[in-house]
Structures are given as C-alpha cells and as structure tokens.
Amino acid sequence: KGIKLPKNPKLTWDPTDTNKKNTDTMIKSMTGYGKA
C-alpha cells in the first residue's frame, strides 16, 4: 500500500529512515503489507 507524505515541508526525511535524528516523518507503523 505504501505511505503518503504531506506536501509540506517540501524537503524532508524518508519516512522509513530509522536515523534517530528523523523526528519529522518517522512512522510508528506501516500497514497494507499483507499476509505473513
């Protein structure tokens, strides 16, 4: 299913980036990834 980011800020982190400095877009869960 994937993830959709808001349009702003225009430049940001990849939401799947686990860098500890990523406090902008770090996701808590990503759904839509099916079976196992």
ModelCIF file with pLDDT and N, C-alpha, C, O atoms, coordinates in Angstrom:
data_MODEL
#
_entry.id   MODEL 
#
_entity.id                         1 
_entity.type                       polymer 
_entity.pdbx_number_of_molecules   1 
#
_entity_poly.entity_id                      1 
_entity_poly.type                           'polypeptide(L)' 
_entity_poly.nstd_linkage                   no 
_entity_poly.nstd_monomer                   no 
_entity_poly.pdbx_seq_one_letter_code       KGIKLPKNPKLTWDPTDTNKKNTDTMIKSMTGYGKA 
_entity_poly.pdbx_seq_one_letter_code_can   KGIKLPKNPKLTWDPTDTNKKNTDTMIKSMTGYGKA 
_entity_poly.pdbx_strand_id                 A 
#
loop_
_entity_poly_seq.entity_id 
_entity_poly_seq.num 
_entity_poly_seq.mon_id 
_entity_poly_seq.hetero 
1 1  LYS n 
1 2  GLY n 
1 3  ILE n 
1 4  LYS n 
1 5  LEU n 
1 6  PRO n 
1 7  LYS n 
1 8  ASN n 
1 9  PRO n 
1 10 LYS n 
1 11 LEU n 
1 12 THR n 
1 13 TRP n 
1 14 ASP n 
1 15 PRO n 
1 16 THR n 
1 17 ASP n 
1 18 THR n 
1 19 ASN n 
1 20 LYS n 
1 21 LYS n 
1 22 ASN n 
1 23 THR n 
1 24 ASP n 
1 25 THR n 
1 26 MET n 
1 27 ILE n 
1 28 LYS n 
1 29 SER n 
1 30 MET n 
1 31 THR n 
1 32 GLY n 
1 33 TYR n 
1 34 GLY n 
1 35 LYS n 
1 36 ALA n 
#
_struct_asym.id          A 
_struct_asym.entity_id   1 
#
loop_
_ma_qa_metric.id 
_ma_qa_metric.mode 
_ma_qa_metric.name 
_ma_qa_metric.software_group_id 
_ma_qa_metric.type 
1 global pLDDT . pLDDT 
2 local  pLDDT . pLDDT 
#
_ma_qa_metric_global.metric_id      1 
_ma_qa_metric_global.metric_value   75.39 
_ma_qa_metric_global.model_id       1 
_ma_qa_metric_global.ordinal_id     1 
#
loop_
_ma_qa_metric_local.label_asym_id 
_ma_qa_metric_local.label_comp_id 
_ma_qa_metric_local.label_seq_id 
_ma_qa_metric_local.metric_id 
_ma_qa_metric_local.metric_value 
_ma_qa_metric_local.model_id 
_ma_qa_metric_local.ordinal_id 
A LYS 1  2 89.00 1 1  
A GLY 2  2 88.00 1 2  
A ILE 3  2 89.00 1 3  
A LYS 4  2 90.00 1 4  
A LEU 5  2 92.00 1 5  
A PRO 6  2 90.00 1 6  
A LYS 7  2 86.00 1 7  
A ASN 8  2 88.00 1 8  
A PRO 9  2 89.00 1 9  
A LYS 10 2 93.00 1 10 
A LEU 11 2 95.00 1 11 
A THR 12 2 95.00 1 12 
A TRP 13 2 95.00 1 13 
A ASP 14 2 95.00 1 14 
A PRO 15 2 93.00 1 15 
A THR 16 2 93.00 1 16 
A ASP 17 2 93.00 1 17 
A THR 18 2 88.00 1 18 
A ASN 19 2 90.00 1 19 
A LYS 20 2 87.00 1 20 
A LYS 21 2 90.00 1 21 
A ASN 22 2 89.00 1 22 
A THR 23 2 82.00 1 23 
A ASP 24 2 78.00 1 24 
A THR 25 2 78.00 1 25 
A MET 26 2 72.00 1 26 
A ILE 27 2 65.00 1 27 
A LYS 28 2 52.00 1 28 
A SER 29 2 45.00 1 29 
A MET 30 2 44.00 1 30 
A THR 31 2 40.00 1 31 
A GLY 32 2 36.00 1 32 
A TYR 33 2 35.00 1 33 
A GLY 34 2 31.00 1 34 
A LYS 35 2 30.00 1 35 
A ALA 36 2 29.00 1 36 
#
loop_
_atom_site.group_PDB 
_atom_site.id 
_atom_site.type_symbol 
_atom_site.label_atom_id 
_atom_site.label_alt_id 
_atom_site.label_comp_id 
_atom_site.label_asym_id 
_atom_site.label_entity_id 
_atom_site.label_seq_id 
_atom_site.pdbx_PDB_ins_code 
_atom_site.Cartn_x 
_atom_site.Cartn_y 
_atom_site.Cartn_z 
_atom_site.occupancy 
_atom_site.B_iso_or_equiv 
_atom_site.pdbx_formal_charge 
_atom_site.auth_seq_id 
_atom_site.auth_comp_id 
_atom_site.auth_asym_id 
_atom_site.auth_atom_id 
_atom_site.pdbx_PDB_model_num 
ATOM 1   N N  . LYS A 1 1  ? 0.812  -1.209  0.000  1.00 89.00 ? 1  LYS A N  1 
ATOM 2   C CA . LYS A 1 1  ? 0.000  0.000   0.000  1.00 89.00 ? 1  LYS A CA 1 
ATOM 3   C C  . LYS A 1 1  ? 0.849  1.265   0.000  1.00 89.00 ? 1  LYS A C  1 
ATOM 4   O O  . LYS A 1 1  ? 0.516  2.239   -0.674 1.00 89.00 ? 1  LYS A O  1 
ATOM 5   N N  . GLY A 1 2  ? 1.939  1.251   0.749  1.00 88.00 ? 2  GLY A N  1 
ATOM 6   C CA . GLY A 1 2  ? 2.826  2.407   0.781  1.00 88.00 ? 2  GLY A CA 1 
ATOM 7   C C  . GLY A 1 2  ? 2.369  3.497   1.727  1.00 88.00 ? 2  GLY A C  1 
ATOM 8   O O  . GLY A 1 2  ? 1.378  3.347   2.442  1.00 88.00 ? 2  GLY A O  1 
ATOM 9   N N  . ILE A 1 3  ? 3.108  4.603   1.720  1.00 89.00 ? 3  ILE A N  1 
ATOM 10  C CA . ILE A 1 3  ? 2.883  5.728   2.626  1.00 89.00 ? 3  ILE A CA 1 
ATOM 11  C C  . ILE A 1 3  ? 2.786  6.998   1.798  1.00 89.00 ? 3  ILE A C  1 
ATOM 12  O O  . ILE A 1 3  ? 3.478  7.123   0.787  1.00 89.00 ? 3  ILE A O  1 
ATOM 13  N N  . LYS A 1 4  ? 1.950  7.936   2.199  1.00 90.00 ? 4  LYS A N  1 
ATOM 14  C CA . LYS A 1 4  ? 1.869  9.234   1.542  1.00 90.00 ? 4  LYS A CA 1 
ATOM 15  C C  . LYS A 1 4  ? 2.289  10.318  2.531  1.00 90.00 ? 4  LYS A C  1 
ATOM 16  O O  . LYS A 1 4  ? 1.794  10.380  3.656  1.00 90.00 ? 4  LYS A O  1 
ATOM 17  N N  . LEU A 1 5  ? 3.202  11.162  2.092  1.00 92.00 ? 5  LEU A N  1 
ATOM 18  C CA . LEU A 1 5  ? 3.689  12.253  2.927  1.00 92.00 ? 5  LEU A CA 1 
ATOM 19  C C  . LEU A 1 5  ? 2.911  13.535  2.646  1.00 92.00 ? 5  LEU A C  1 
ATOM 20  O O  . LEU A 1 5  ? 2.429  13.724  1.529  1.00 92.00 ? 5  LEU A O  1 
ATOM 21  N N  . PRO A 1 6  ? 2.778  14.415  3.631  1.00 90.00 ? 6  PRO A N  1 
ATOM 22  C CA . PRO A 1 6  ? 2.165  15.725  3.369  1.00 90.00 ? 6  PRO A CA 1 
ATOM 23  C C  . PRO A 1 6  ? 3.049  16.542  2.428  1.00 90.00 ? 6  PRO A C  1 
ATOM 24  O O  . PRO A 1 6  ? 4.255  16.311  2.349  1.00 90.00 ? 6  PRO A O  1 
ATOM 25  N N  . LYS A 1 7  ? 2.452  17.492  1.719  1.00 86.00 ? 7  LYS A N  1 
ATOM 26  C CA . LYS A 1 7  ? 3.200  18.287  0.748  1.00 86.00 ? 7  LYS A CA 1 
ATOM 27  C C  . LYS A 1 7  ? 4.229  19.196  1.402  1.00 86.00 ? 7  LYS A C  1 
ATOM 28  O O  . LYS A 1 7  ? 5.241  19.539  0.790  1.00 86.00 ? 7  LYS A O  1 
ATOM 29  N N  . ASN A 1 8  ? 3.972  19.581  2.633  1.00 88.00 ? 8  ASN A N  1 
ATOM 30  C CA . ASN A 1 8  ? 4.905  20.439  3.360  1.00 88.00 ? 8  ASN A CA 1 
ATOM 31  C C  . ASN A 1 8  ? 5.377  19.744  4.623  1.00 88.00 ? 8  ASN A C  1 
ATOM 32  O O  . ASN A 1 8  ? 4.558  19.135  5.312  1.00 88.00 ? 8  ASN A O  1 
ATOM 33  N N  . PRO A 1 9  ? 6.676  19.807  4.964  1.00 89.00 ? 9  PRO A N  1 
ATOM 34  C CA . PRO A 1 9  ? 7.692  20.544  4.209  1.00 89.00 ? 9  PRO A CA 1 
ATOM 35  C C  . PRO A 1 9  ? 8.020  19.865  2.878  1.00 89.00 ? 9  PRO A C  1 
ATOM 36  O O  . PRO A 1 9  ? 7.881  18.649  2.739  1.00 89.00 ? 9  PRO A O  1 
ATOM 37  N N  . LYS A 1 10 ? 8.454  20.660  1.909  1.00 93.00 ? 10 LYS A N  1 
ATOM 38  C CA . LYS A 1 10 ? 8.745  20.129  0.588  1.00 93.00 ? 10 LYS A CA 1 
ATOM 39  C C  . LYS A 1 10 ? 9.951  19.193  0.611  1.00 93.00 ? 10 LYS A C  1 
ATOM 40  O O  . LYS A 1 10 ? 9.985  18.205  -0.122 1.00 93.00 ? 10 LYS A O  1 
ATOM 41  N N  . LEU A 1 11 ? 10.941 19.501  1.449  1.00 95.00 ? 11 LEU A N  1 
ATOM 42  C CA . LEU A 1 11 ? 12.108 18.639  1.617  1.00 95.00 ? 11 LEU A CA 1 
ATOM 43  C C  . LEU A 1 11 ? 12.046 18.010  3.001  1.00 95.00 ? 11 LEU A C  1 
ATOM 44  O O  . LEU A 1 11 ? 11.849 18.710  3.994  1.00 95.00 ? 11 LEU A O  1 
ATOM 45  N N  . THR A 1 12 ? 12.211 16.702  3.072  1.00 95.00 ? 12 THR A N  1 
ATOM 46  C CA . THR A 1 12 ? 12.026 16.017  4.346  1.00 95.00 ? 12 THR A CA 1 
ATOM 47  C C  . THR A 1 12 ? 12.818 14.715  4.376  1.00 95.00 ? 12 THR A C  1 
ATOM 48  O O  . THR A 1 12 ? 13.643 14.460  3.499  1.00 95.00 ? 12 THR A O  1 
ATOM 49  N N  . TRP A 1 13 ? 12.565 13.903  5.381  1.00 95.00 ? 13 TRP A N  1 
ATOM 50  C CA . TRP A 1 13 ? 13.183 12.586  5.524  1.00 95.00 ? 13 TRP A CA 1 
ATOM 51  C C  . TRP A 1 13 ? 12.324 11.535  4.812  1.00 95.00 ? 13 TRP A C  1 
ATOM 52  O O  . TRP A 1 13 ? 11.117 11.709  4.640  1.00 95.00 ? 13 TRP A O  1 
ATOM 53  N N  . ASP A 1 14 ? 12.964 10.464  4.412  1.00 95.00 ? 14 ASP A N  1 
ATOM 54  C CA . ASP A 1 14 ? 12.213 9.272   4.015  1.00 95.00 ? 14 ASP A CA 1 
ATOM 55  C C  . ASP A 1 14 ? 11.537 8.751   5.286  1.00 95.00 ? 14 ASP A C  1 
ATOM 56  O O  . ASP A 1 14 ? 12.210 8.601   6.306  1.00 95.00 ? 14 ASP A O  1 
ATOM 57  N N  . PRO A 1 15 ? 10.231 8.470   5.259  1.00 93.00 ? 15 PRO A N  1 
ATOM 58  C CA . PRO A 1 15 ? 9.536  8.050   6.484  1.00 93.00 ? 15 PRO A CA 1 
ATOM 59  C C  . PRO A 1 15 ? 9.994  6.706   7.032  1.00 93.00 ? 15 PRO A C  1 
ATOM 60  O O  . PRO A 1 15 ? 9.715  6.381   8.186  1.00 93.00 ? 15 PRO A O  1 
ATOM 61  N N  . THR A 1 16 ? 10.696 5.921   6.214  1.00 93.00 ? 16 THR A N  1 
ATOM 62  C CA . THR A 1 16 ? 11.206 4.635   6.701  1.00 93.00 ? 16 THR A CA 1 
ATOM 63  C C  . THR A 1 16 ? 12.656 4.729   7.173  1.00 93.00 ? 16 THR A C  1 
ATOM 64  O O  . THR A 1 16 ? 13.267 3.713   7.506  1.00 93.00 ? 16 THR A O  1 
ATOM 65  N N  . ASP A 1 17 ? 13.207 5.940   7.205  1.00 93.00 ? 17 ASP A N  1 
ATOM 66  C CA . ASP A 1 17 ? 14.583 6.149   7.660  1.00 93.00 ? 17 ASP A CA 1 
ATOM 67  C C  . ASP A 1 17 ? 14.610 6.037   9.181  1.00 93.00 ? 17 ASP A C  1 
ATOM 68  O O  . ASP A 1 17 ? 13.946 6.816   9.866  1.00 93.00 ? 17 ASP A O  1 
ATOM 69  N N  . THR A 1 18 ? 15.363 5.087   9.718  1.00 88.00 ? 18 THR A N  1 
ATOM 70  C CA . THR A 1 18 ? 15.412 4.851   11.164 1.00 88.00 ? 18 THR A CA 1 
ATOM 71  C C  . THR A 1 18 ? 16.482 5.677   11.870 1.00 88.00 ? 18 THR A C  1 
ATOM 72  O O  . THR A 1 18 ? 16.761 5.454   13.048 1.00 88.00 ? 18 THR A O  1 
ATOM 73  N N  . ASN A 1 19 ? 17.078 6.622   11.163 1.00 90.00 ? 19 ASN A N  1 
ATOM 74  C CA . ASN A 1 19 ? 18.041 7.535   11.779 1.00 90.00 ? 19 ASN A CA 1 
ATOM 75  C C  . ASN A 1 19 ? 17.386 8.225   12.986 1.00 90.00 ? 19 ASN A C  1 
ATOM 76  O O  . ASN A 1 19 ? 16.274 8.741   12.879 1.00 90.00 ? 19 ASN A O  1 
ATOM 77  N N  . LYS A 1 20 ? 18.069 8.231   14.114 1.00 87.00 ? 20 LYS A N  1 
ATOM 78  C CA . LYS A 1 20 ? 17.500 8.808   15.331 1.00 87.00 ? 20 LYS A CA 1 
ATOM 79  C C  . LYS A 1 20 ? 17.189 10.294  15.188 1.00 87.00 ? 20 LYS A C  1 
ATOM 80  O O  . LYS A 1 20 ? 16.369 10.829  15.934 1.00 87.00 ? 20 LYS A O  1 
ATOM 81  N N  . LYS A 1 21 ? 17.839 10.967  14.234 1.00 90.00 ? 21 LYS A N  1 
ATOM 82  C CA . LYS A 1 21 ? 17.596 12.387  14.027 1.00 90.00 ? 21 LYS A CA 1 
ATOM 83  C C  . LYS A 1 21 ? 16.296 12.631  13.250 1.00 90.00 ? 21 LYS A C  1 
ATOM 84  O O  . LYS A 1 21 ? 15.823 13.764  13.155 1.00 90.00 ? 21 LYS A O  1 
ATOM 85  N N  . ASN A 1 22 ? 15.736 11.572  12.706 1.00 89.00 ? 22 ASN A N  1 
ATOM 86  C CA . ASN A 1 22 ? 14.500 11.706  11.935 1.00 89.00 ? 22 ASN A CA 1 
ATOM 87  C C  . ASN A 1 22 ? 13.311 11.791  12.883 1.00 89.00 ? 22 ASN A C  1 
ATOM 88  O O  . ASN A 1 22 ? 12.708 10.779  13.237 1.00 89.00 ? 22 ASN A O  1 
ATOM 89  N N  . THR A 1 23 ? 12.991 12.993  13.280 1.00 82.00 ? 23 THR A N  1 
ATOM 90  C CA . THR A 1 23 ? 11.841 13.211  14.153 1.00 82.00 ? 23 THR A CA 1 
ATOM 91  C C  . THR A 1 23 ? 10.670 13.796  13.383 1.00 82.00 ? 23 THR A C  1 
ATOM 92  O O  . THR A 1 23 ? 9.606  14.038  13.952 1.00 82.00 ? 23 THR A O  1 
ATOM 93  N N  . ASP A 1 24 ? 10.866 14.025  12.081 1.00 78.00 ? 24 ASP A N  1 
ATOM 94  C CA . ASP A 1 24 ? 9.832  14.648  11.259 1.00 78.00 ? 24 ASP A CA 1 
ATOM 95  C C  . ASP A 1 24 ? 8.837  13.642  10.693 1.00 78.00 ? 24 ASP A C  1 
ATOM 96  O O  . ASP A 1 24 ? 7.626  13.826  10.808 1.00 78.00 ? 24 ASP A O  1 
ATOM 97  N N  . THR A 1 25 ? 9.350  12.584  10.085 1.00 78.00 ? 25 THR A N  1 
ATOM 98  C CA . THR A 1 25 ? 8.468  11.667  9.360  1.00 78.00 ? 25 THR A CA 1 
ATOM 99  C C  . THR A 1 25 ? 8.573  10.217  9.817  1.00 78.00 ? 25 THR A C  1 
ATOM 100 O O  . THR A 1 25 ? 7.965  9.341   9.202  1.00 78.00 ? 25 THR A O  1 
ATOM 101 N N  . MET A 1 26 ? 9.330  9.939   10.883 1.00 72.00 ? 26 MET A N  1 
ATOM 102 C CA . MET A 1 26 ? 9.483  8.557   11.314 1.00 72.00 ? 26 MET A CA 1 
ATOM 103 C C  . MET A 1 26 ? 8.117  7.958   11.642 1.00 72.00 ? 26 MET A C  1 
ATOM 104 O O  . MET A 1 26 ? 7.371  8.514   12.448 1.00 72.00 ? 26 MET A O  1 
ATOM 105 N N  . ILE A 1 27 ? 7.796  6.846   11.030 1.00 65.00 ? 27 ILE A N  1 
ATOM 106 C CA . ILE A 1 27 ? 6.474  6.246   11.198 1.00 65.00 ? 27 ILE A CA 1 
ATOM 107 C C  . ILE A 1 27 ? 6.463  5.236   12.334 1.00 65.00 ? 27 ILE A C  1 
ATOM 108 O O  . ILE A 1 27 ? 7.474  4.597   12.623 1.00 65.00 ? 27 ILE A O  1 
ATOM 109 N N  . LYS A 1 28 ? 5.323  5.103   12.966 1.00 52.00 ? 28 LYS A N  1 
ATOM 110 C CA . LYS A 1 28 ? 5.174  4.111   14.032 1.00 52.00 ? 28 LYS A CA 1 
ATOM 111 C C  . LYS A 1 28 ? 4.720  2.775   13.474 1.00 52.00 ? 28 LYS A C  1 
ATOM 112 O O  . LYS A 1 28 ? 5.019  1.722   14.037 1.00 52.00 ? 28 LYS A O  1 
ATOM 113 N N  . SER A 1 29 ? 4.000  2.823   12.368 1.00 45.00 ? 29 SER A N  1 
ATOM 114 C CA . SER A 1 29 ? 3.583  1.561   11.747 1.00 45.00 ? 29 SER A CA 1 
ATOM 115 C C  . SER A 1 29 ? 3.284  1.787   10.276 1.00 45.00 ? 29 SER A C  1 
ATOM 116 O O  . SER A 1 29 ? 2.838  2.862   9.877  1.00 45.00 ? 29 SER A O  1 
ATOM 117 N N  . MET A 1 30 ? 3.533  0.775   9.489  1.00 44.00 ? 30 MET A N  1 
ATOM 118 C CA . MET A 1 30 ? 3.223  0.836   8.070  1.00 44.00 ? 30 MET A CA 1 
ATOM 119 C C  . MET A 1 30 ? 2.346  -0.355  7.738  1.00 44.00 ? 30 MET A C  1 
ATOM 120 O O  . MET A 1 30 ? 2.780  -1.501  7.857  1.00 44.00 ? 30 MET A O  1 
ATOM 121 N N  . THR A 1 31 ? 1.116  -0.095  7.324  1.00 40.00 ? 31 THR A N  1 
ATOM 122 C CA . THR A 1 31 ? 0.165  -1.180  7.096  1.00 40.00 ? 31 THR A CA 1 
ATOM 123 C C  . THR A 1 31 ? 0.022  -1.483  5.614  1.00 40.00 ? 31 THR A C  1 
ATOM 124 O O  . THR A 1 31 ? 0.632  -0.826  4.771  1.00 40.00 ? 31 THR A O  1 
ATOM 125 N N  . GLY A 1 32 ? -0.775 -2.466  5.314  1.00 36.00 ? 32 GLY A N  1 
ATOM 126 C CA . GLY A 1 32 ? -1.016 -2.833  3.934  1.00 36.00 ? 32 GLY A CA 1 
ATOM 127 C C  . GLY A 1 32 ? 0.021  -3.784  3.387  1.00 36.00 ? 32 GLY A C  1 
ATOM 128 O O  . GLY A 1 32 ? 0.142  -3.935  2.171  1.00 36.00 ? 32 GLY A O  1 
ATOM 129 N N  . TYR A 1 33 ? 0.781  -4.435  4.271  1.00 35.00 ? 33 TYR A N  1 
ATOM 130 C CA . TYR A 1 33 ? 1.841  -5.317  3.809  1.00 35.00 ? 33 TYR A CA 1 
ATOM 131 C C  . TYR A 1 33 ? 1.472  -6.796  3.902  1.00 35.00 ? 33 TYR A C  1 
ATOM 132 O O  . TYR A 1 33 ? 2.345  -7.663  3.938  1.00 35.00 ? 33 TYR A O  1 
ATOM 133 N N  . GLY A 1 34 ? 0.152  -7.075  3.941  1.00 31.00 ? 34 GLY A N  1 
ATOM 134 C CA . GLY A 1 34 ? -0.360 -8.393  3.631  1.00 31.00 ? 34 GLY A CA 1 
ATOM 135 C C  . GLY A 1 34 ? -0.102 -9.542  4.583  1.00 31.00 ? 34 GLY A C  1 
ATOM 136 O O  . GLY A 1 34 ? 0.027  -9.347  5.791  1.00 31.00 ? 34 GLY A O  1 
ATOM 137 N N  . LYS A 1 35 ? -0.029 -10.715 4.039  1.00 30.00 ? 35 LYS A N  1 
ATOM 138 C CA . LYS A 1 35 ? -0.077 -12.000 4.739  1.00 30.00 ? 35 LYS A CA 1 
ATOM 139 C C  . LYS A 1 35 ? 0.894  -12.124 5.919  1.00 30.00 ? 35 LYS A C  1 
ATOM 140 O O  . LYS A 1 35 ? 0.624  -11.603 7.002  1.00 30.00 ? 35 LYS A O  1 
ATOM 141 N N  . ALA A 1 36 ? 2.010  -12.807 5.713  1.00 29.00 ? 36 ALA A N  1 
ATOM 142 C CA . ALA A 1 36 ? 2.935  -13.019 6.819  1.00 29.00 ? 36 ALA A CA 1 
ATOM 143 C C  . ALA A 1 36 ? 3.730  -11.740 7.041  1.00 29.00 ? 36 ALA A C  1 
ATOM 144 O O  . ALA A 1 36 ? 4.578  -11.687 7.931  1.00 29.00 ? 36 ALA A O  1 
#
